[in-house]
N, C-alpha and C. Protein backbone atom coordinates (compact mmCIF):
# COMPACT_ATOMS: atom_id res chain seq x y z
N MET A 1 1.91 19.17 -6.97
CA MET A 1 2.32 18.05 -6.13
C MET A 1 1.21 17.71 -5.16
N MET A 2 0.98 16.41 -4.99
CA MET A 2 -0.10 15.97 -4.10
C MET A 2 0.31 16.09 -2.64
N GLN A 3 -0.67 16.35 -1.81
CA GLN A 3 -0.41 16.42 -0.38
C GLN A 3 -0.18 15.01 0.15
N ARG A 4 0.79 14.86 1.02
CA ARG A 4 1.09 13.55 1.60
C ARG A 4 0.03 13.18 2.62
N ARG A 5 -0.19 11.88 2.76
CA ARG A 5 -1.18 11.37 3.69
C ARG A 5 -0.57 11.13 5.06
N LYS A 6 -1.41 10.84 6.02
CA LYS A 6 -0.95 10.61 7.39
C LYS A 6 0.02 9.44 7.46
N HIS A 7 0.80 9.43 8.50
CA HIS A 7 1.82 8.39 8.68
C HIS A 7 1.25 7.10 9.25
N MET A 8 0.09 7.16 9.86
CA MET A 8 -0.49 5.97 10.49
C MET A 8 -1.45 5.31 9.51
N MET A 9 -1.44 3.98 9.49
CA MET A 9 -2.37 3.26 8.64
C MET A 9 -2.63 1.90 9.28
N SER A 10 -3.88 1.52 9.34
CA SER A 10 -4.22 0.21 9.91
C SER A 10 -3.79 -0.89 8.95
N ARG A 11 -3.67 -2.07 9.48
CA ARG A 11 -3.29 -3.23 8.67
C ARG A 11 -4.32 -3.46 7.56
N GLU A 12 -5.59 -3.36 7.91
CA GLU A 12 -6.67 -3.59 6.94
C GLU A 12 -6.62 -2.56 5.81
N LYS A 13 -6.38 -1.31 6.17
CA LYS A 13 -6.29 -0.26 5.16
C LYS A 13 -5.09 -0.49 4.26
N PHE A 14 -3.96 -0.90 4.86
CA PHE A 14 -2.78 -1.13 4.04
C PHE A 14 -2.98 -2.31 3.10
N ILE A 15 -3.67 -3.34 3.53
CA ILE A 15 -3.97 -4.47 2.63
C ILE A 15 -4.73 -3.96 1.41
N SER A 16 -5.69 -3.08 1.64
CA SER A 16 -6.45 -2.49 0.54
C SER A 16 -5.55 -1.68 -0.39
N VAL A 17 -4.65 -0.88 0.19
CA VAL A 17 -3.72 -0.07 -0.60
C VAL A 17 -2.78 -0.97 -1.39
N LEU A 18 -2.23 -2.00 -0.75
CA LEU A 18 -1.31 -2.91 -1.41
C LEU A 18 -2.00 -3.65 -2.55
N PHE A 19 -3.24 -4.06 -2.32
CA PHE A 19 -4.02 -4.73 -3.36
C PHE A 19 -4.21 -3.79 -4.56
N ARG A 20 -4.56 -2.53 -4.29
CA ARG A 20 -4.74 -1.55 -5.37
C ARG A 20 -3.44 -1.33 -6.13
N GLN A 21 -2.33 -1.29 -5.40
CA GLN A 21 -1.04 -1.10 -6.06
C GLN A 21 -0.75 -2.26 -7.01
N GLN A 22 -0.99 -3.47 -6.54
CA GLN A 22 -0.71 -4.62 -7.38
C GLN A 22 -1.64 -4.68 -8.59
N GLN A 23 -2.90 -4.34 -8.39
CA GLN A 23 -3.86 -4.36 -9.49
C GLN A 23 -3.60 -3.25 -10.51
N SER A 24 -2.96 -2.17 -10.07
CA SER A 24 -2.72 -1.02 -10.94
C SER A 24 -1.69 -1.32 -12.03
N GLY A 25 -0.79 -2.25 -11.74
CA GLY A 25 0.28 -2.54 -12.68
C GLY A 25 1.42 -1.53 -12.63
N LEU A 26 1.30 -0.56 -11.73
CA LEU A 26 2.34 0.46 -11.58
C LEU A 26 3.43 -0.03 -10.63
N SER A 27 4.61 0.54 -10.79
CA SER A 27 5.65 0.27 -9.81
C SER A 27 5.23 0.90 -8.48
N ILE A 28 5.86 0.49 -7.40
CA ILE A 28 5.54 1.08 -6.10
C ILE A 28 5.84 2.57 -6.13
N ALA A 29 6.94 2.96 -6.76
CA ALA A 29 7.31 4.38 -6.83
C ALA A 29 6.24 5.18 -7.56
N ASP A 30 5.78 4.69 -8.71
CA ASP A 30 4.76 5.41 -9.48
C ASP A 30 3.42 5.42 -8.74
N PHE A 31 3.06 4.31 -8.15
CA PHE A 31 1.80 4.24 -7.39
C PHE A 31 1.82 5.23 -6.24
N CYS A 32 2.90 5.25 -5.49
CA CYS A 32 3.00 6.16 -4.34
C CYS A 32 2.94 7.61 -4.79
N GLU A 33 3.59 7.93 -5.88
CA GLU A 33 3.54 9.30 -6.39
C GLU A 33 2.12 9.68 -6.78
N ASN A 34 1.43 8.78 -7.46
CA ASN A 34 0.05 9.06 -7.89
C ASN A 34 -0.92 9.18 -6.72
N GLU A 35 -0.69 8.37 -5.68
CA GLU A 35 -1.62 8.31 -4.54
C GLU A 35 -1.25 9.26 -3.41
N GLY A 36 -0.05 9.83 -3.47
CA GLY A 36 0.37 10.76 -2.44
C GLY A 36 0.98 10.10 -1.21
N TYR A 37 1.46 8.86 -1.37
CA TYR A 37 2.14 8.17 -0.27
C TYR A 37 3.65 8.33 -0.44
N SER A 38 4.34 8.37 0.66
CA SER A 38 5.80 8.37 0.64
C SER A 38 6.24 6.93 0.37
N ARG A 39 7.21 6.75 -0.53
CA ARG A 39 7.71 5.39 -0.80
C ARG A 39 8.29 4.77 0.45
N SER A 40 9.02 5.55 1.24
CA SER A 40 9.62 4.98 2.45
C SER A 40 8.53 4.53 3.43
N ARG A 41 7.45 5.28 3.53
CA ARG A 41 6.32 4.90 4.40
C ARG A 41 5.67 3.62 3.89
N PHE A 42 5.49 3.54 2.57
CA PHE A 42 4.87 2.36 1.96
C PHE A 42 5.69 1.11 2.33
N TYR A 43 7.01 1.19 2.16
CA TYR A 43 7.86 0.05 2.49
C TYR A 43 7.87 -0.23 4.00
N LEU A 44 7.79 0.82 4.81
CA LEU A 44 7.71 0.64 6.26
C LEU A 44 6.45 -0.14 6.64
N TRP A 45 5.31 0.27 6.06
CA TRP A 45 4.06 -0.43 6.34
C TRP A 45 4.13 -1.87 5.86
N LYS A 46 4.72 -2.07 4.69
CA LYS A 46 4.83 -3.42 4.14
C LYS A 46 5.65 -4.32 5.06
N GLN A 47 6.74 -3.78 5.57
CA GLN A 47 7.58 -4.53 6.49
C GLN A 47 6.88 -4.72 7.84
N LYS A 48 6.27 -3.66 8.35
CA LYS A 48 5.61 -3.70 9.65
C LYS A 48 4.53 -4.77 9.70
N TYR A 49 3.70 -4.81 8.67
CA TYR A 49 2.57 -5.73 8.67
C TYR A 49 2.91 -7.10 8.11
N GLY A 50 4.02 -7.22 7.39
CA GLY A 50 4.48 -8.52 6.90
C GLY A 50 3.41 -9.30 6.17
N ILE A 51 2.72 -8.66 5.27
CA ILE A 51 1.61 -9.29 4.57
C ILE A 51 2.16 -10.22 3.48
N THR A 52 1.73 -11.47 3.55
CA THR A 52 2.16 -12.44 2.55
C THR A 52 1.22 -12.38 1.35
N GLU A 53 1.67 -12.95 0.26
CA GLU A 53 0.84 -13.00 -0.95
C GLU A 53 -0.47 -13.74 -0.68
N ARG A 54 -0.40 -14.80 0.08
CA ARG A 54 -1.60 -15.58 0.42
C ARG A 54 -2.59 -14.73 1.22
N GLU A 55 -2.09 -13.99 2.22
CA GLU A 55 -2.96 -13.12 3.00
C GLU A 55 -3.60 -12.04 2.14
N LEU A 56 -2.80 -11.49 1.24
CA LEU A 56 -3.30 -10.43 0.37
C LEU A 56 -4.46 -10.94 -0.46
N LEU A 57 -4.32 -12.12 -1.02
CA LEU A 57 -5.39 -12.67 -1.83
C LEU A 57 -6.62 -13.01 -0.99
N ALA A 58 -6.39 -13.49 0.22
CA ALA A 58 -7.50 -13.89 1.08
C ALA A 58 -8.25 -12.68 1.66
N GLU A 59 -7.53 -11.60 1.95
CA GLU A 59 -8.14 -10.46 2.63
C GLU A 59 -8.44 -9.29 1.72
N ALA A 60 -8.10 -9.40 0.45
CA ALA A 60 -8.31 -8.29 -0.48
C ALA A 60 -9.81 -8.00 -0.63
N PRO A 61 -10.12 -6.73 -0.86
CA PRO A 61 -11.52 -6.37 -1.06
C PRO A 61 -12.11 -7.08 -2.28
N ALA A 62 -13.36 -7.42 -2.20
CA ALA A 62 -14.02 -8.14 -3.30
C ALA A 62 -14.31 -7.24 -4.47
């Protein structure tokens, strides 16, 4: 089992993580399991930062 990551994440870092999740084609549950993130934390960050699809595309890493 993978070690869980810290509970704090910057908005910029989460945008990068969310972009990777979407590009992976995996469900959020599978992505979180593979990356060592808690699903509840992932959804918390998603809600906290309220990143829209437009923002994700504009701010995603090149």
